Protein backbone atom coordinates (compact mmCIF):
# COMPACT_ATOMS: atom_id res chain seq x y z
CA UNK A 1 2.71 1.18 -15.70
CA UNK A 2 3.49 2.75 -12.37
CA UNK A 3 6.89 2.69 -11.13
CA UNK A 4 7.96 3.29 -7.38
CA UNK A 5 11.45 3.54 -5.97
CA UNK A 6 11.57 3.01 -2.13
CA UNK A 7 14.98 4.27 -0.95
CA UNK A 8 17.17 3.68 2.15
CA UNK A 9 15.26 0.95 3.65
CA UNK A 10 16.29 -2.30 5.38
CA UNK A 11 15.39 -5.62 4.14
CA UNK A 12 14.40 -8.73 6.29
CA UNK A 13 14.52 -12.00 3.95
CA UNK A 14 13.98 -14.11 7.12
CA UNK A 15 17.14 -16.45 6.02
CA UNK A 16 19.80 -14.41 8.14
CA UNK A 17 19.49 -12.81 11.71
CA UNK A 18 20.86 -9.52 10.36
CA UNK A 19 19.26 -6.63 8.43
CA UNK A 20 20.45 -5.74 5.09
CA UNK A 21 20.68 -1.87 5.36
CA UNK A 22 20.74 0.85 2.67
CA UNK A 23 18.32 -1.14 0.42
CA UNK A 24 16.50 0.10 -2.41
CA UNK A 25 13.44 -1.50 -4.05
CA UNK A 26 12.27 -0.42 -7.35
CA UNK A 27 8.61 -1.83 -8.31
CA UNK A 28 7.24 -1.52 -11.97
CA UNK A 29 3.65 -2.46 -12.15
CA UNK A 30 3.28 -5.39 -9.98
CA UNK A 31 7.10 -6.72 -10.47
CA UNK A 32 10.34 -6.23 -8.57
CA UNK A 33 12.62 -4.63 -11.01
CA UNK A 34 15.59 -4.02 -8.41
CA UNK A 35 16.14 -5.25 -4.81
CA UNK A 36 19.70 -4.26 -3.76
CA UNK A 37 22.06 -1.50 -2.37
CA UNK A 38 20.56 1.99 -2.33
CA UNK A 39 21.86 3.78 -5.51
CA UNK A 40 22.51 0.73 -7.62
CA UNK A 41 19.15 0.62 -9.11
CA UNK A 42 18.53 1.57 -12.94
CA UNK A 43 17.10 4.82 -13.51
CA UNK A 44 13.51 4.73 -12.69
CA UNK A 45 12.47 7.34 -15.16
CA UNK A 46 11.05 10.69 -14.60
CA UNK A 47 7.60 9.68 -13.86
CA UNK A 48 8.65 7.35 -11.08
CA UNK A 49 7.55 7.92 -7.54
CA UNK A 50 10.35 8.34 -5.14
CA UNK A 51 9.63 7.18 -1.49
CA UNK A 52 11.69 7.80 1.62
CA UNK A 53 11.70 4.36 3.20
CA UNK A 54 14.30 5.29 5.87
CA UNK A 55 13.56 3.67 9.32
CA UNK A 56 11.33 1.01 7.76
CA UNK A 57 12.12 -2.83 6.75
CA UNK A 58 10.94 -4.51 3.71
CA UNK A 59 9.43 -7.74 4.70
CA UNK A 60 8.37 -10.61 2.24
CA UNK A 61 4.63 -10.96 2.45
CA UNK A 62 3.59 -13.46 5.03
CA UNK A 63 1.93 -16.86 4.92
CA UNK A 64 -0.70 -18.04 7.24
CA UNK A 65 -0.31 -21.55 7.35
CA UNK A 66 -3.39 -22.39 9.54
CA UNK A 67 -6.48 -20.41 9.09
CA UNK A 68 -10.34 -20.69 8.46
CA UNK A 69 -11.21 -17.94 6.25
CA UNK A 70 -14.87 -18.01 6.36
CA UNK A 71 -15.30 -17.98 10.21
CA UNK A 72 -14.93 -14.58 12.11
CA UNK A 73 -13.28 -15.94 15.25
CA UNK A 74 -13.87 -14.23 18.69
CA UNK A 75 -14.90 -15.76 21.82
CA UNK A 76 -17.99 -17.38 20.34
CA UNK A 77 -16.11 -18.91 17.42
CA UNK A 78 -17.68 -22.33 17.48
CA UNK A 79 -21.32 -20.77 17.52
CA UNK A 80 -20.17 -18.66 14.34
CA UNK A 81 -19.79 -22.01 12.36
CA UNK A 82 -23.61 -22.17 12.29
CA UNK A 83 -24.07 -18.81 11.20
CA UNK A 84 -26.14 -18.21 7.77
CA UNK A 85 -23.97 -18.83 4.83
CA UNK A 86 -24.51 -15.14 3.70
CA UNK A 87 -22.92 -13.93 7.01
CA UNK A 88 -20.02 -16.32 6.60
CA UNK A 89 -19.29 -15.13 2.97
CA UNK A 90 -19.46 -11.51 4.40
CA UNK A 91 -16.93 -12.68 7.12
CA UNK A 92 -14.68 -14.17 4.51
CA UNK A 93 -14.46 -10.75 2.61
CA UNK A 94 -13.74 -8.76 5.88
CA UNK A 95 -11.08 -11.48 6.90
CA UNK A 96 -9.50 -11.18 3.20
CA UNK A 97 -9.14 -7.34 3.74
CA UNK A 98 -7.77 -7.77 6.97
CA UNK A 99 -5.17 -10.39 5.66
CA UNK A 100 -3.82 -7.98 3.02
CA UNK A 101 -3.95 -5.12 5.18
CA UNK A 102 -1.61 -6.99 7.59
CA UNK A 103 0.89 -8.03 4.93
CA UNK A 104 -0.36 -11.65 4.79
CA UNK A 105 -0.65 -12.62 0.89
CA UNK A 106 -0.94 -16.10 1.43
CA UNK A 107 -3.30 -17.94 3.46
CA UNK A 108 -3.99 -21.86 3.79
CA UNK A 109 -7.38 -22.70 4.72
CA UNK A 110 -7.57 -25.96 6.90
CA UNK A 111 -11.50 -26.67 7.29
CA UNK A 112 -14.68 -24.80 6.70
CA UNK A 113 -18.29 -25.80 6.96
CA UNK A 114 -19.94 -27.15 3.87
CA UNK A 115 -22.80 -25.00 2.51
CA UNK A 116 -24.63 -24.44 -1.02
CA UNK A 117 -23.45 -21.38 -3.07
CA UNK A 118 -24.59 -20.71 -6.60
CA UNK A 119 -26.21 -24.23 -6.65
CA UNK A 120 -22.82 -26.05 -5.60
CA UNK A 121 -22.77 -27.58 -2.29
CA UNK A 122 -19.21 -28.00 -0.90
CA UNK A 123 -16.74 -26.57 1.61
CA UNK A 124 -17.39 -22.72 1.98
CA UNK A 125 -13.73 -21.92 1.50
CA UNK A 126 -13.44 -23.63 -1.73
CA UNK A 127 -15.99 -21.17 -2.82
CA UNK A 128 -14.23 -18.30 -1.45
CA UNK A 129 -10.88 -19.50 -2.92
CA UNK A 130 -12.47 -19.58 -6.63
CA UNK A 131 -13.95 -16.09 -5.88
CA UNK A 132 -10.48 -14.54 -4.85
CA UNK A 133 -8.74 -15.80 -7.53
CA UNK A 134 -6.94 -13.03 -9.71
CA UNK A 135 -7.98 -10.46 -7.00
CA UNK A 136 -4.94 -8.48 -5.81
CA UNK A 137 -7.12 -7.06 -2.93
CA UNK A 138 -7.37 -10.55 -1.66
CA UNK A 139 -4.74 -13.27 -0.37
CA UNK A 140 -3.78 -16.42 -2.35
CA UNK A 141 -5.53 -19.31 -0.87
CA UNK A 142 -5.20 -22.80 -0.67
CA UNK A 143 -8.07 -24.67 0.74
CA UNK A 144 -8.79 -27.96 2.31
CA UNK A 145 -12.62 -29.29 2.33
CA UNK A 146 -14.32 -29.72 5.66
CA UNK A 147 -12.77 -31.28 8.56
CA UNK A 148 -12.86 -35.51 8.39
CA UNK A 149 -13.11 -37.33 11.45
CA UNK A 150 -13.82 -40.61 13.11
CA UNK A 151 -17.56 -41.21 13.87
CA UNK A 152 -18.36 -40.67 17.45
CA UNK A 153 -14.81 -39.65 18.40
CA UNK A 154 -15.64 -35.91 19.18
CA UNK A 155 -19.08 -35.31 20.66
CA UNK A 156 -20.62 -32.17 19.67
CA UNK A 157 -18.47 -31.79 16.50
CA UNK A 158 -21.51 -31.49 14.44
CA UNK A 159 -19.33 -29.69 11.66
CA UNK A 160 -17.22 -32.66 11.08
CA UNK A 161 -17.71 -35.30 8.08
CA UNK A 162 -17.58 -38.33 10.21
CA UNK A 163 -16.28 -41.67 8.79
CA UNK A 164 -17.28 -44.81 10.31
CA UNK A 165 -14.26 -47.03 9.03
CA UNK A 166 -11.39 -46.79 6.70
CA UNK A 167 -13.27 -47.14 3.37
CA UNK A 168 -15.61 -44.53 4.46
CA UNK A 169 -12.60 -42.35 5.42
CA UNK A 170 -10.81 -42.70 1.76
CA UNK A 171 -14.47 -42.11 0.35
CA UNK A 172 -14.78 -38.81 1.95
CA UNK A 173 -11.39 -37.71 1.12
CA UNK A 174 -11.84 -38.65 -2.39
CA UNK A 175 -15.34 -36.79 -2.53
CA UNK A 176 -13.47 -33.51 -1.33
CA UNK A 177 -10.65 -34.07 -3.79
CA UNK A 178 -13.46 -34.20 -6.69
CA UNK A 179 -14.81 -30.99 -5.39
CA UNK A 180 -11.50 -29.23 -5.97
CA UNK A 181 -9.81 -29.07 -2.65
CA UNK A 182 -6.19 -28.50 -2.37
CA UNK A 183 -5.58 -30.66 0.54
CA UNK A 184 -7.34 -32.96 2.88
CA UNK A 185 -7.87 -32.11 6.65
CA UNK A 186 -8.08 -35.17 8.83
CA UNK A 187 -9.13 -34.80 12.80
CA UNK A 188 -6.81 -36.97 14.82
CA UNK A 189 -7.91 -36.45 18.11
CA UNK A 190 -10.24 -38.98 20.11
CA UNK A 191 -11.67 -39.85 23.43
CA UNK A 192 -8.21 -42.02 24.52
CA UNK A 193 -5.05 -39.86 23.83
CA UNK A 194 -3.01 -43.20 23.85
CA UNK A 195 -5.02 -44.73 21.04
CA UNK A 196 -5.15 -43.26 17.63
CA UNK A 197 -8.57 -43.27 16.04
CA UNK A 198 -6.86 -44.08 12.63
CA UNK A 199 -4.00 -46.41 12.44
CA UNK A 200 -1.04 -45.36 10.16
CA UNK A 201 -2.16 -47.76 7.35
CA UNK A 202 -5.69 -46.13 7.20
CA UNK A 203 -3.95 -42.61 7.07
CA UNK A 204 -1.65 -43.79 4.43
CA UNK A 205 -4.60 -44.73 2.21
CA UNK A 206 -5.70 -40.94 2.29
CA UNK A 207 -2.27 -39.62 1.91
CA UNK A 208 -1.54 -41.97 -1.18
CA UNK A 209 -5.08 -40.90 -2.48
CA UNK A 210 -4.19 -37.20 -2.02
CA UNK A 211 -0.90 -37.38 -3.67
CA UNK A 212 -2.49 -39.29 -6.80
CA UNK A 213 -4.47 -35.92 -6.97
CA UNK A 214 -1.91 -33.62 -6.38
CA UNK A 215 -3.02 -32.71 -3.01
CA UNK A 216 -1.55 -33.20 0.55
CA UNK A 217 -2.84 -34.34 3.83
CA UNK A 218 -3.04 -32.19 7.10
CA UNK A 219 -3.68 -33.69 10.59
CA UNK A 220 -5.34 -32.11 13.40
CA UNK A 221 -3.30 -33.56 16.00
CA UNK A 222 -2.71 -32.79 19.75
CA UNK A 223 -2.54 -36.10 21.31
CA UNK A 224 0.48 -38.55 21.36
CA UNK A 225 -0.96 -41.61 19.53
CA UNK A 226 -2.98 -39.85 17.02
CA UNK A 227 0.34 -37.72 16.08
CA UNK A 228 2.33 -40.74 15.47
CA UNK A 229 -0.28 -42.39 13.51
CA UNK A 230 -0.54 -39.28 11.35
CA UNK A 231 3.23 -38.76 10.81
CA UNK A 232 3.80 -42.47 9.79
CA UNK A 233 0.92 -42.46 7.59
CA UNK A 234 2.91 -39.69 5.61
CA UNK A 235 0.80 -36.57 6.33
CA UNK A 236 2.34 -33.39 5.17
CA UNK A 237 2.03 -31.54 8.42
CA UNK A 238 0.85 -31.88 11.91
CA UNK A 239 -1.31 -28.92 12.84
CA UNK A 240 -1.03 -27.63 16.53
CA UNK A 241 1.35 -30.62 17.37
CA UNK A 242 1.24 -30.15 21.13
CA UNK A 243 2.21 -33.83 21.58
CA UNK A 244 5.59 -33.77 19.87
CA UNK A 245 8.45 -35.03 21.69
CA UNK A 246 11.94 -35.85 20.73
CA UNK A 247 11.36 -39.20 19.30
CA UNK A 248 8.51 -38.08 17.06
CA UNK A 249 10.49 -35.07 16.26
CA UNK A 250 13.20 -37.18 14.84
CA UNK A 251 10.64 -38.97 12.79
CA UNK A 252 9.27 -35.75 11.57
CA UNK A 253 12.78 -34.69 10.55
CA UNK A 254 13.33 -37.72 8.72
CA UNK A 255 10.12 -37.89 6.63
CA UNK A 256 10.17 -33.90 6.13
CA UNK A 257 6.84 -33.40 8.07
CA UNK A 258 5.85 -29.97 8.80
CA UNK A 259 4.95 -28.95 12.37
CA UNK A 260 2.33 -25.95 11.98
CA UNK A 261 2.17 -24.00 15.19
CA UNK A 262 -0.95 -22.19 16.63
CA UNK A 263 0.44 -20.85 20.09
CA UNK A 264 -1.33 -17.45 19.51
CA UNK A 265 -4.72 -19.09 20.00
CA UNK A 266 -4.03 -20.32 23.31
CA UNK A 267 -2.64 -17.21 24.31
CA UNK A 268 -5.91 -15.51 22.83
CA UNK A 269 -7.88 -17.85 24.93
CA UNK A 270 -6.17 -16.81 28.18
CA UNK A 271 -6.31 -13.29 27.51
CA UNK A 272 -10.18 -13.35 27.77
CA UNK A 273 -10.09 -14.01 31.56
CA UNK A 274 -12.77 -16.59 30.95
CA UNK A 275 -13.05 -19.46 28.56
CA UNK A 276 -16.82 -20.22 28.61
CA UNK A 277 -17.28 -21.19 25.18
CA UNK A 278 -13.84 -23.43 25.19
CA UNK A 279 -15.37 -25.04 28.35
CA UNK A 280 -18.55 -25.96 26.90
CA UNK A 281 -16.80 -27.42 23.70
CA UNK A 282 -13.95 -29.31 25.23
CA UNK A 283 -14.09 -29.10 29.18
CA UNK A 284 -10.92 -27.24 29.59
CA UNK A 285 -10.64 -23.89 31.62
CA UNK A 286 -7.79 -21.68 31.94
CA UNK A 287 -5.42 -23.87 33.81
CA UNK A 288 -5.79 -26.88 31.45
CA UNK A 289 -5.21 -24.10 28.37
CA UNK A 290 -2.10 -23.03 30.17
CA UNK A 291 -0.73 -26.66 30.38
CA UNK A 292 -1.49 -27.21 26.59
CA UNK A 293 0.51 -24.05 25.85
CA UNK A 294 3.39 -25.33 27.95
CA UNK A 295 3.15 -28.68 25.99
CA UNK A 296 3.21 -26.72 22.37
CA UNK A 297 6.34 -24.64 23.66
CA UNK A 298 8.03 -27.84 24.66
CA UNK A 299 7.00 -29.40 21.16
CA UNK A 300 8.37 -26.65 19.30
CA UNK A 301 11.73 -26.85 21.19
CA UNK A 302 11.95 -30.32 20.23
CA UNK A 303 11.14 -29.65 16.60
CA UNK A 304 13.66 -27.03 16.48
CA UNK A 305 16.29 -29.21 18.00
CA UNK A 306 15.59 -31.98 15.52
CA UNK A 307 15.45 -29.89 12.33
CA UNK A 308 11.76 -30.13 11.98
CA UNK A 309 10.38 -27.36 9.39
CA UNK A 310 8.05 -25.18 11.35
CA UNK A 311 5.18 -23.33 9.75
CA UNK A 312 3.23 -20.71 11.49
CA UNK A 313 -0.46 -20.48 11.76
CA UNK A 314 -2.96 -18.08 13.69
CA UNK A 315 -5.94 -20.39 13.62
CA UNK A 316 -8.20 -17.40 12.99
CA UNK A 317 -11.69 -18.20 12.86
CA UNK A 318 -11.22 -21.96 14.05
CA UNK A 319 -10.07 -20.36 17.31
CA UNK A 320 -10.72 -16.94 18.77
CA UNK A 321 -8.12 -14.98 17.00
CA UNK A 322 -9.01 -12.60 14.23
CA UNK A 323 -7.91 -12.36 10.61
CA UNK A 324 -4.62 -10.45 10.43
CA UNK A 325 -3.05 -11.47 13.75
CA UNK A 326 -0.20 -13.67 12.42
CA UNK A 327 2.22 -11.35 13.90
CA UNK A 328 1.27 -12.56 17.46
CA UNK A 329 2.11 -16.12 16.35
CA UNK A 330 5.55 -15.00 15.35
CA UNK A 331 6.03 -13.39 18.92
CA UNK A 332 4.99 -16.50 20.42
CA UNK A 333 7.40 -18.52 18.38
CA UNK A 334 10.29 -16.22 19.68
CA UNK A 335 8.93 -16.71 23.29
CA UNK A 336 9.09 -20.63 22.68
CA UNK A 337 12.79 -20.47 21.77
CA UNK A 338 13.21 -19.52 18.08
CA UNK A 339 15.40 -16.78 17.08
CA UNK A 340 13.23 -13.98 15.44
CA UNK A 341 14.46 -14.73 12.24
CA UNK A 342 13.66 -18.29 12.38
CA UNK A 343 10.01 -17.07 13.43
CA UNK A 344 9.68 -14.89 10.69
CA UNK A 345 11.09 -17.66 8.36
CA UNK A 346 8.03 -19.81 9.77
CA UNK A 347 5.52 -17.10 8.74
CA UNK A 348 7.16 -16.51 5.42
CA UNK A 349 9.14 -18.66 3.19
CA UNK A 350 8.82 -22.05 5.33
CA UNK A 351 4.93 -21.36 4.95
CA UNK A 352 5.62 -21.19 1.17
CA UNK A 353 7.40 -24.54 1.19
CA UNK A 354 4.45 -26.20 3.00
CA UNK A 355 2.08 -24.63 0.21
CA UNK A 356 4.60 -25.84 -2.46
CA UNK A 357 4.58 -22.21 -3.87
CA UNK A 358 8.27 -20.84 -4.48
CA UNK A 359 6.90 -17.39 -4.85
CA UNK A 360 5.44 -17.22 -1.37
CA UNK A 361 7.22 -15.52 1.27
CA UNK A 362 10.06 -14.93 -1.27
CA UNK A 363 11.23 -11.66 -2.79
CA UNK A 364 13.42 -11.69 -5.86
CA UNK A 365 14.04 -9.55 -8.94
CA UNK A 366 11.48 -10.55 -11.62
CA UNK A 367 8.94 -11.85 -9.20
CA UNK A 368 5.87 -10.39 -7.99
CA UNK A 369 6.04 -7.13 -5.51
CA UNK A 370 4.39 -9.29 -2.60
CA UNK A 371 5.75 -7.66 0.50
CA UNK A 372 5.11 -5.08 3.00
CA UNK A 373 7.15 -2.38 5.17
CA UNK A 374 7.15 -2.21 8.66
CA UNK A 375 8.16 0.54 11.26
CA UNK A 376 11.20 -0.89 12.99
CA UNK A 377 13.45 -4.03 12.90
CA UNK A 378 11.48 -7.36 13.02
CA UNK A 379 14.75 -9.40 13.68
CA UNK A 380 15.28 -7.74 16.96
CA UNK A 381 11.67 -6.73 17.83
CA UNK A 382 8.89 -9.16 16.32
CA UNK A 383 6.39 -6.80 17.34
CA UNK A 384 7.29 -4.28 14.47
CA UNK A 385 5.48 -6.83 12.31
CA UNK A 386 2.32 -5.07 13.71
CA UNK A 387 3.53 -1.60 12.65
CA UNK A 388 2.63 -1.99 9.03
CA UNK A 389 3.43 1.08 6.97
CA UNK A 390 2.84 0.13 3.40
CA UNK A 391 1.79 -3.16 1.85
CA UNK A 392 2.45 -3.69 -2.00
């Protein structure tokens, strides 16, 4: 069993605004044997590898709480949903490599196209999750089925499973749970932002069915009425959450509903200099996207003020970001008003809370050595998260 001692590092646990300095990390095999003051560690033995980690910071492995692992992203991300199954599976493998290389050990897939693989037809991310199980070179994955929406509510969204009424909605959710989905993804946006496509009672039927199966429900919600119906219906999280105001934030805090942010995808769209693909799909140009980003920033500020739990997502694949770009979301959350340690918490242990995984985004002796080292201090300079030096 290989033993490695990292000496004289700093440690950012994402629970404090200050680094712990002069820290040693002793790893035996894939388990943390020691994490504490330099020099206090047990004797690692004569065969141990000693690493001078001065100038580096140990960071718990990150959690991308909103991703689409079977999709490649880029400016034509919507077109890529229709790529051949083999191409999407290959994209998933590349994405898995990039996630681990960026220090992202957990991912939550919130929607993938339905395809047949090895004689079984179900959401593609479920195939990927099962294929990655037990592999150290791939992230742990929790996966939804295919997006479920209201029939006719979103023109051109051929990738949705469309339900005509509440009974069909529950049936679609149960079908995905039977396929092994870890969570259900509801699409709550519709043609009228002031009228929800599903009522709170209809959403509650889905959340109740999911709870009986040990699963949760995530709601794509960027409009006021759909967001409130989703929260009142008991979803675990609002994804994107552009329409969260003070009143809704207070209700989310009371219920324990997470806000999963995806600000970096707006920044990605704006960085193109053109939003041709987006305009074809939604009719939104650069000015409209800038407005959505402003609303998303206001939503985060309302959520933080109310005490809402915030988890960070990149929306890679389902937007134009590529896999491994979660550091951009951390930077965006700092610009939205979170302290750097709070933004890092959103990308580590808060994401673990959302997944119901106590190991995710947390380091402790006796636990798995899921962490990475970056050059610099991410609590004063979040861009340090891009400067990955080592991944354990």
